[in-house]
Amino acid sequence: MNKLIAPMNWLMARAPMLQSLILLAIRLWLANVFLRSGLLKLGSWESTVSLFATEYQLPFLSPELAAVLGTIVEIGAGGLILFGALTPLAALGLLVLTLTIELLVYPGTNDHYHWMLLLGTLIAFGGGKLSFDGLFFSRLLKPSQTTQNE
């Protein structure tokens, strides 16, 4: 039993850093997916609008508006996730985008389920310590000396 306790103690002592490394890997992977997609759309705007008109065909948005909104979300939220800034909000935006794609455009695509699971992880846990959120908000949200002394 002691042979199990020592490795568990070692892992548990490092859990916060391991969690941050895993969240960083998730952020980098998702940022790559969404930023590449958004930049590809920007690179050939006529083709993008045509794709939204012929293949995506969202029932409640014009192809032009859908292309603009989709591209803004992919690049904007993808960039925020890359740096770990406003991570839960950015992940929520990408989750809504991915749900829209899954439900209305390409139902049953396995990649979307993986993306949604990873986006849910970022919504639940944030960007981790190795993120703008972790560096900025950890300082901002620390109790001040005056509150501790009261």
Protein backbone atom coordinates (compact mmCIF):
# COMPACT_ATOMS: atom_id res chain seq x y z
CA MET A 1 0.00 0.00 0.00
CA ASN A 2 2.85 2.43 0.78
CA LYS A 3 4.13 1.87 -2.77
CA LEU A 4 0.93 3.46 -4.04
CA ILE A 5 0.82 6.31 -1.55
CA ALA A 6 4.19 7.82 -2.46
CA PRO A 7 3.45 8.19 -6.20
CA MET A 8 -0.04 9.49 -5.42
CA ASN A 9 1.37 12.10 -3.05
CA TRP A 10 3.92 13.10 -5.71
CA LEU A 11 1.19 13.48 -8.35
CA MET A 12 -1.22 15.28 -6.04
CA ALA A 13 1.48 17.79 -5.08
CA ARG A 14 1.91 18.59 -8.76
CA ALA A 15 -1.78 18.49 -9.74
CA PRO A 16 -2.24 22.27 -10.12
CA MET A 17 0.70 22.54 -12.52
CA LEU A 18 -0.34 19.40 -14.41
CA GLN A 19 -3.84 20.83 -14.73
CA SER A 20 -2.44 24.09 -16.10
CA LEU A 21 -0.29 22.22 -18.63
CA ILE A 22 -3.29 20.20 -19.79
CA LEU A 23 -5.42 23.36 -20.08
CA LEU A 24 -2.61 25.01 -22.06
CA ALA A 25 -2.48 22.04 -24.45
CA ILE A 26 -6.27 22.19 -24.90
CA ARG A 27 -6.13 25.94 -25.56
CA LEU A 28 -3.33 25.62 -28.11
CA TRP A 29 -5.05 22.78 -29.94
CA LEU A 30 -8.44 24.53 -30.09
CA ALA A 31 -6.89 27.88 -31.05
CA ASN A 32 -5.16 26.15 -33.95
CA VAL A 33 -8.45 24.65 -35.17
CA PHE A 34 -10.52 27.83 -34.96
CA LEU A 35 -7.88 30.40 -35.95
CA ARG A 36 -6.90 28.42 -39.04
CA SER A 37 -10.53 28.09 -40.05
CA GLY A 38 -11.21 31.81 -39.53
CA LEU A 39 -8.05 32.90 -41.36
CA LEU A 40 -8.89 30.57 -44.25
CA LYS A 41 -12.31 32.23 -44.50
CA LEU A 42 -10.67 35.67 -44.58
CA GLY A 43 -8.21 34.57 -47.24
CA SER A 44 -10.96 33.88 -49.77
CA TRP A 45 -13.97 35.92 -48.75
CA GLU A 46 -15.97 35.34 -51.96
CA SER A 47 -15.60 31.59 -51.54
CA THR A 48 -16.56 31.88 -47.89
CA VAL A 49 -19.80 33.73 -48.60
CA SER A 50 -20.54 31.27 -51.42
CA LEU A 51 -19.99 28.37 -49.03
CA PHE A 52 -22.41 29.88 -46.52
CA ALA A 53 -24.95 30.41 -49.33
CA THR A 54 -24.74 26.95 -50.90
CA GLU A 55 -23.52 24.43 -48.34
CA TYR A 56 -24.05 25.81 -44.82
CA GLN A 57 -27.43 27.50 -45.48
CA LEU A 58 -28.31 28.61 -41.98
CA PRO A 59 -32.08 29.10 -41.90
CA PHE A 60 -32.13 32.26 -39.77
CA LEU A 61 -29.18 34.30 -41.13
CA SER A 62 -28.21 35.63 -44.52
CA PRO A 63 -25.06 34.00 -45.96
CA GLU A 64 -23.17 37.30 -45.68
CA LEU A 65 -24.08 37.87 -42.02
CA ALA A 66 -23.41 34.23 -41.11
CA ALA A 67 -19.98 34.40 -42.79
CA VAL A 68 -19.09 37.60 -40.94
CA LEU A 69 -20.29 36.32 -37.56
CA GLY A 70 -18.67 32.91 -37.95
CA THR A 71 -15.35 34.43 -38.98
CA ILE A 72 -15.38 36.99 -36.16
CA VAL A 73 -16.12 34.30 -33.57
CA GLU A 74 -13.47 31.90 -34.92
CA ILE A 75 -10.73 34.53 -35.06
CA GLY A 76 -11.76 36.59 -32.03
CA ALA A 77 -12.53 33.77 -29.62
CA GLY A 78 -9.75 31.61 -31.09
CA GLY A 79 -7.24 34.40 -30.36
CA LEU A 80 -8.56 34.88 -26.83
CA ILE A 81 -8.25 31.15 -26.16
CA LEU A 82 -4.73 31.11 -27.59
CA PHE A 83 -3.60 33.60 -24.93
CA GLY A 84 -6.01 32.39 -22.26
CA ALA A 85 -7.81 35.72 -22.05
CA LEU A 86 -11.47 35.65 -20.97
CA THR A 87 -11.19 31.92 -21.57
CA PRO A 88 -14.59 30.74 -20.29
CA LEU A 89 -16.44 33.41 -22.29
CA ALA A 90 -14.42 32.77 -25.45
CA ALA A 91 -14.96 29.02 -25.07
CA LEU A 92 -18.70 29.60 -24.63
CA GLY A 93 -18.82 31.56 -27.90
CA LEU A 94 -16.98 28.78 -29.71
CA LEU A 95 -19.25 26.19 -28.10
CA VAL A 96 -22.34 27.99 -29.46
CA LEU A 97 -20.68 28.17 -32.90
CA THR A 98 -19.78 24.46 -32.78
CA LEU A 99 -23.28 23.48 -31.62
CA THR A 100 -24.73 25.46 -34.52
CA ILE A 101 -22.44 23.66 -36.96
CA GLU A 102 -23.25 20.28 -35.41
CA LEU A 103 -27.01 20.76 -35.28
CA LEU A 104 -27.63 22.68 -38.51
CA VAL A 105 -24.76 22.09 -40.92
CA TYR A 106 -22.86 18.82 -40.39
CA PRO A 107 -24.77 16.62 -37.93
CA GLY A 108 -22.96 13.56 -36.62
CA THR A 109 -19.42 14.82 -37.16
CA ASN A 110 -17.20 13.27 -34.48
CA ASP A 111 -14.73 16.18 -34.42
CA HIS A 112 -17.44 18.51 -33.15
CA TYR A 113 -18.10 16.34 -30.11
CA HIS A 114 -14.40 16.42 -29.23
CA TRP A 115 -14.29 20.18 -29.65
CA MET A 116 -17.39 20.61 -27.48
CA LEU A 117 -15.91 18.43 -24.73
CA LEU A 118 -12.67 20.44 -24.74
CA LEU A 119 -14.55 23.75 -24.87
CA GLY A 120 -16.65 22.60 -21.91
CA THR A 121 -13.44 21.88 -20.03
CA LEU A 122 -12.26 25.46 -20.64
CA ILE A 123 -15.65 26.85 -19.59
CA ALA A 124 -15.51 24.84 -16.36
CA PHE A 125 -11.83 25.32 -15.44
CA GLY A 126 -10.75 28.47 -17.29
CA GLY A 127 -7.38 28.91 -18.93
CA GLY A 128 -5.25 27.69 -16.03
CA LYS A 129 -2.26 29.32 -14.37
CA LEU A 130 -0.37 29.53 -17.67
CA SER A 131 -2.80 31.98 -19.20
CA PHE A 132 -3.55 35.69 -19.20
CA ASP A 133 -6.57 34.92 -17.01
CA GLY A 134 -4.45 32.96 -14.55
CA LEU A 135 -1.80 35.65 -14.32
CA PHE A 136 -4.09 38.69 -14.29
CA PHE A 137 -7.14 37.49 -12.39
CA SER A 138 -5.14 35.64 -9.73
CA ARG A 139 -3.62 38.98 -8.73
CA LEU A 140 -6.86 40.89 -9.14
CA LEU A 141 -8.91 38.47 -7.07
CA LYS A 142 -6.45 37.97 -4.19
CA PRO A 143 -7.81 39.34 -0.95
CA SER A 144 -6.12 42.57 0.01
CA GLN A 145 -4.08 42.94 3.17
CA THR A 146 -6.74 45.18 4.70
CA THR A 147 -9.46 42.54 4.37
CA GLN A 148 -7.23 39.88 5.88
CA ASN A 149 -6.53 42.04 8.95
CA GLU A 150 -10.19 42.80 9.65
